Amino acid sequence: MTRKTLAQWSQSVLPDNFEQVSQQTLEIQQFLMEHLPEPINQQVSVINFSSEEIVVTASSPQVANYLKLYIAEVQQQIQETFQLSQKLTIRTAPESLLNIDSPPESGKPSRVSSETAAAISRSAGWIEDENLKQSLEALADVLKGKSHSKG
């Protein structure tokens, strides 16, 4: 059995027009950067280019709404500049995608007050499942020890 290299496998799954679509996507992105006002131009990305539509994502609902107000004009300029007929669609990027370049903050856990530890301990008394009850009591004991040593 022959094994495909990663390059061969990647090439076999890419559509035939991948390079052309990638180039057009970059050109439309550059067009938006040059023709939209600042700071709007810094908050939009072309995320899809197909035979039916061009999808532009905005970093916030406010930016998306601004673009939607002028979608007819933007679409017309793109179509005329690039001789395209695709519909322009504006979407808001999910917050999770916006923070993709920055690693999640690994903040230190906040201190637990002795009142919280006591509340967990009291709540454990109402639990019927013995394993869960013991786990909550052990957690409360650990938290009580930490709150006394740090507080």
C-alpha atoms as a PDB file:
ATOM      1  CA  MET A   1       0.000   0.000   0.000  1.00  0.00           C
ATOM      2  CA  THR A   2       1.382   3.399  -0.963  1.00  0.00           C
ATOM      3  CA  ARG A   3       1.143   6.222   1.460  1.00  0.00           C
ATOM      4  CA  LYS A   4       0.268   9.705   0.324  1.00  0.00           C
ATOM      5  CA  THR A   5       2.377  12.521   1.594  1.00  0.00           C
ATOM      6  CA  LEU A   6       0.620  15.320   3.392  1.00  0.00           C
ATOM      7  CA  ALA A   7       1.085  17.559   0.352  1.00  0.00           C
ATOM      8  CA  GLN A   8      -0.467  14.940  -1.958  1.00  0.00           C
ATOM      9  CA  TRP A   9      -3.379  14.381   0.396  1.00  0.00           C
ATOM     10  CA  SER A  10      -3.972  18.104   0.835  1.00  0.00           C
ATOM     11  CA  GLN A  11      -3.861  18.691  -2.907  1.00  0.00           C
ATOM     12  CA  SER A  12      -6.329  15.862  -3.525  1.00  0.00           C
ATOM     13  CA  VAL A  13      -8.982  17.329  -1.225  1.00  0.00           C
ATOM     14  CA  LEU A  14      -8.684  20.956  -2.291  1.00  0.00           C
ATOM     15  CA  PRO A  15     -11.092  22.155  -4.950  1.00  0.00           C
ATOM     16  CA  ASP A  16      -9.598  22.792  -8.377  1.00  0.00           C
ATOM     17  CA  ASN A  17     -10.164  26.533  -8.091  1.00  0.00           C
ATOM     18  CA  PHE A  18      -8.703  26.867  -4.592  1.00  0.00           C
ATOM     19  CA  GLU A  19      -5.837  29.164  -5.578  1.00  0.00           C
ATOM     20  CA  GLN A  20      -8.120  31.383  -7.661  1.00  0.00           C
ATOM     21  CA  VAL A  21     -10.667  31.658  -4.831  1.00  0.00           C
ATOM     22  CA  SER A  22      -7.905  32.379  -2.317  1.00  0.00           C
ATOM     23  CA  GLN A  23      -6.525  35.118  -4.541  1.00  0.00           C
ATOM     24  CA  GLN A  24      -9.963  36.688  -5.089  1.00  0.00           C
ATOM     25  CA  THR A  25     -10.672  36.539  -1.364  1.00  0.00           C
ATOM     26  CA  LEU A  26      -7.427  38.388  -0.639  1.00  0.00           C
ATOM     27  CA  GLU A  27      -8.178  40.981  -3.330  1.00  0.00           C
ATOM     28  CA  ILE A  28     -11.649  41.654  -1.937  1.00  0.00           C
ATOM     29  CA  GLN A  29     -10.210  41.899   1.577  1.00  0.00           C
ATOM     30  CA  GLN A  30      -7.663  44.431   0.352  1.00  0.00           C
ATOM     31  CA  PHE A  31     -10.431  46.350  -1.453  1.00  0.00           C
ATOM     32  CA  LEU A  32     -12.443  46.569   1.779  1.00  0.00           C
ATOM     33  CA  MET A  33      -9.367  47.700   3.715  1.00  0.00           C
ATOM     34  CA  GLU A  34      -8.777  50.496   1.216  1.00  0.00           C
ATOM     35  CA  HIS A  35     -12.359  51.653   0.692  1.00  0.00           C
ATOM     36  CA  LEU A  36     -14.100  51.338   4.049  1.00  0.00           C
ATOM     37  CA  PRO A  37     -13.536  54.090   6.608  1.00  0.00           C
ATOM     38  CA  GLU A  38     -11.317  53.549   9.614  1.00  0.00           C
ATOM     39  CA  PRO A  39     -11.807  51.844  12.053  1.00  0.00           C
ATOM     40  CA  ILE A  40     -14.476  49.814  10.217  1.00  0.00           C
ATOM     41  CA  ASN A  41     -11.904  48.559   7.698  1.00  0.00           C
ATOM     42  CA  GLN A  42      -9.862  47.014  10.531  1.00  0.00           C
ATOM     43  CA  GLN A  43     -12.846  45.058  11.831  1.00  0.00           C
ATOM     44  CA  VAL A  44     -13.995  43.127   8.761  1.00  0.00           C
ATOM     45  CA  SER A  45     -12.769  39.935   7.108  1.00  0.00           C
ATOM     46  CA  VAL A  46     -13.779  38.068   3.986  1.00  0.00           C
ATOM     47  CA  ILE A  47     -14.387  34.564   5.273  1.00  0.00           C
ATOM     48  CA  ASN A  48     -16.027  32.855   2.300  1.00  0.00           C
ATOM     49  CA  PHE A  49     -16.090  33.293  -1.430  1.00  0.00           C
ATOM     50  CA  SER A  50     -18.226  30.927  -3.477  1.00  0.00           C
ATOM     51  CA  SER A  51     -20.087  31.006  -6.768  1.00  0.00           C
ATOM     52  CA  GLU A  52     -23.220  32.163  -4.895  1.00  0.00           C
ATOM     53  CA  GLU A  53     -21.988  34.584  -2.277  1.00  0.00           C
ATOM     54  CA  ILE A  54     -19.205  36.549  -0.667  1.00  0.00           C
ATOM     55  CA  VAL A  55     -19.377  36.403   3.111  1.00  0.00           C
ATOM     56  CA  VAL A  56     -17.850  39.229   5.128  1.00  0.00           C
ATOM     57  CA  THR A  57     -17.676  38.953   8.882  1.00  0.00           C
ATOM     58  CA  ALA A  58     -17.620  41.901  11.246  1.00  0.00           C
ATOM     59  CA  SER A  59     -16.033  41.947  14.671  1.00  0.00           C
ATOM     60  CA  SER A  60     -19.112  43.331  16.396  1.00  0.00           C
ATOM     61  CA  PRO A  61     -22.843  43.731  15.846  1.00  0.00           C
ATOM     62  CA  GLN A  62     -22.341  47.496  15.516  1.00  0.00           C
ATOM     63  CA  VAL A  63     -19.875  47.088  12.651  1.00  0.00           C
ATOM     64  CA  ALA A  64     -22.130  44.501  11.000  1.00  0.00           C
ATOM     65  CA  ASN A  65     -25.098  46.856  11.237  1.00  0.00           C
ATOM     66  CA  TYR A  66     -23.057  49.690   9.723  1.00  0.00           C
ATOM     67  CA  LEU A  67     -22.102  47.464   6.796  1.00  0.00           C
ATOM     68  CA  LYS A  68     -25.685  46.285   6.369  1.00  0.00           C
ATOM     69  CA  LEU A  69     -26.803  49.901   6.034  1.00  0.00           C
ATOM     70  CA  TYR A  70     -24.499  50.265   3.033  1.00  0.00           C
ATOM     71  CA  ILE A  71     -24.590  46.688   1.718  1.00  0.00           C
ATOM     72  CA  ALA A  72     -26.080  47.654  -1.655  1.00  0.00           C
ATOM     73  CA  GLU A  73     -23.307  50.190  -2.307  1.00  0.00           C
ATOM     74  CA  VAL A  74     -20.521  47.897  -1.095  1.00  0.00           C
ATOM     75  CA  GLN A  75     -21.891  44.967  -3.105  1.00  0.00           C
ATOM     76  CA  GLN A  76     -22.169  47.100  -6.248  1.00  0.00           C
ATOM     77  CA  GLN A  77     -18.605  48.386  -5.900  1.00  0.00           C
ATOM     78  CA  ILE A  78     -17.241  44.870  -5.393  1.00  0.00           C
ATOM     79  CA  GLN A  79     -19.222  43.520  -8.346  1.00  0.00           C
ATOM     80  CA  GLU A  80     -18.104  46.339 -10.637  1.00  0.00           C
ATOM     81  CA  THR A  81     -14.474  46.280  -9.521  1.00  0.00           C
ATOM     82  CA  PHE A  82     -14.042  42.511  -9.798  1.00  0.00           C
ATOM     83  CA  GLN A  83     -16.699  41.730 -12.447  1.00  0.00           C
ATOM     84  CA  LEU A  84     -18.537  39.428 -10.038  1.00  0.00           C
ATOM     85  CA  SER A  85     -22.207  38.626  -9.557  1.00  0.00           C
ATOM     86  CA  GLN A  86     -22.165  37.051  -6.089  1.00  0.00           C
ATOM     87  CA  LYS A  87     -24.458  38.273  -3.357  1.00  0.00           C
ATOM     88  CA  LEU A  88     -22.728  39.996  -0.449  1.00  0.00           C
ATOM     89  CA  THR A  89     -23.597  38.648   3.000  1.00  0.00           C
ATOM     90  CA  ILE A  90     -22.601  40.337   6.265  1.00  0.00           C
ATOM     91  CA  ARG A  91     -22.264  38.325   9.472  1.00  0.00           C
ATOM     92  CA  THR A  92     -21.041  38.991  12.979  1.00  0.00           C
ATOM     93  CA  ALA A  93     -18.054  36.904  14.034  1.00  0.00           C
ATOM     94  CA  PRO A  94     -18.539  34.814  17.149  1.00  0.00           C
ATOM     95  CA  GLU A  95     -16.572  36.179  20.103  1.00  0.00           C
ATOM     96  CA  SER A  96     -14.576  32.936  20.289  1.00  0.00           C
ATOM     97  CA  LEU A  97     -13.130  33.547  16.822  1.00  0.00           C
ATOM     98  CA  LEU A  98     -12.111  37.081  17.585  1.00  0.00           C
ATOM     99  CA  ASN A  99      -9.699  35.999  20.342  1.00  0.00           C
ATOM    100  CA  ILE A 100      -8.054  33.232  18.360  1.00  0.00           C
ATOM    101  CA  ASP A 101      -4.631  34.925  18.266  1.00  0.00           C
ATOM    102  CA  SER A 102      -4.441  35.620  21.969  1.00  0.00           C
ATOM    103  CA  PRO A 103      -4.117  32.695  24.343  1.00  0.00           C
ATOM    104  CA  PRO A 104      -6.739  32.451  27.042  1.00  0.00           C
ATOM    105  CA  GLU A 105      -5.840  34.209  30.238  1.00  0.00           C
ATOM    106  CA  SER A 106      -4.845  31.833  32.964  1.00  0.00           C
ATOM    107  CA  GLY A 107      -5.725  33.973  35.914  1.00  0.00           C
ATOM    108  CA  LYS A 108      -5.211  32.700  39.378  1.00  0.00           C
ATOM    109  CA  PRO A 109      -8.322  31.421  41.084  1.00  0.00           C
ATOM    110  CA  SER A 110      -9.847  33.892  43.462  1.00  0.00           C
ATOM    111  CA  ARG A 111      -9.726  33.277  47.179  1.00  0.00           C
ATOM    112  CA  VAL A 112     -12.643  31.535  48.767  1.00  0.00           C
ATOM    113  CA  SER A 113     -13.948  33.188  51.879  1.00  0.00           C
ATOM    114  CA  SER A 114     -14.421  31.262  55.088  1.00  0.00           C
ATOM    115  CA  GLU A 115     -18.170  31.998  54.743  1.00  0.00           C
ATOM    116  CA  THR A 116     -18.243  30.185  51.402  1.00  0.00           C
ATOM    117  CA  ALA A 117     -16.390  27.200  52.843  1.00  0.00           C
ATOM    118  CA  ALA A 118     -18.860  27.107  55.761  1.00  0.00           C
ATOM    119  CA  ALA A 119     -21.799  27.286  53.345  1.00  0.00           C
ATOM    120  CA  ILE A 120     -20.446  24.299  51.403  1.00  0.00           C
ATOM    121  CA  SER A 121     -20.005  22.405  54.640  1.00  0.00           C
ATOM    122  CA  ARG A 122     -23.587  23.217  55.736  1.00  0.00           C
ATOM    123  CA  SER A 123     -24.956  22.247  52.324  1.00  0.00           C
ATOM    124  CA  ALA A 124     -23.203  18.896  52.520  1.00  0.00           C
ATOM    125  CA  GLY A 125     -25.399  18.045  55.498  1.00  0.00           C
ATOM    126  CA  TRP A 126     -28.449  18.000  53.208  1.00  0.00           C
ATOM    127  CA  ILE A 127     -26.943  15.613  50.642  1.00  0.00           C
ATOM    128  CA  GLU A 128     -28.220  12.035  50.771  1.00  0.00           C
ATOM    129  CA  ASP A 129     -25.559  10.488  48.537  1.00  0.00           C
ATOM    130  CA  GLU A 130     -22.747   9.575  50.955  1.00  0.00           C
ATOM    131  CA  ASN A 131     -19.924   9.832  48.400  1.00  0.00           C
ATOM    132  CA  LEU A 132     -21.041  13.283  47.292  1.00  0.00           C
ATOM    133  CA  LYS A 133     -21.548  14.357  50.902  1.00  0.00           C
ATOM    134  CA  GLN A 134     -18.018  13.244  51.832  1.00  0.00           C
ATOM    135  CA  SER A 135     -16.560  14.982  48.778  1.00  0.00           C
ATOM    136  CA  LEU A 136     -18.271  18.272  49.643  1.00  0.00           C
ATOM    137  CA  GLU A 137     -17.155  18.030  53.257  1.00  0.00           C
ATOM    138  CA  ALA A 138     -13.564  17.336  52.140  1.00  0.00           C
ATOM    139  CA  LEU A 139     -13.724  20.307  49.756  1.00  0.00           C
ATOM    140  CA  ALA A 140     -15.037  22.535  52.547  1.00  0.00           C
ATOM    141  CA  ASP A 141     -12.215  21.374  54.840  1.00  0.00           C
ATOM    142  CA  VAL A 142      -9.585  22.137  52.186  1.00  0.00           C
ATOM    143  CA  LEU A 143     -11.105  25.547  51.518  1.00  0.00           C
ATOM    144  CA  LYS A 144     -11.291  26.333  55.222  1.00  0.00           C
ATOM    145  CA  GLY A 145      -7.612  25.462  55.592  1.00  0.00           C
ATOM    146  CA  LYS A 146      -6.629  27.695  52.653  1.00  0.00           C
ATOM    147  CA  SER A 147      -8.755  30.618  53.820  1.00  0.00           C
ATOM    148  CA  HIS A 148      -7.173  30.477  57.273  1.00  0.00           C
ATOM    149  CA  SER A 149      -3.609  30.187  55.965  1.00  0.00           C
ATOM    150  CA  LYS A 150      -3.998  33.074  53.480  1.00  0.00           C
ATOM    151  CA  GLY A 151      -6.432  35.277  55.262  1.00  0.00           C
END
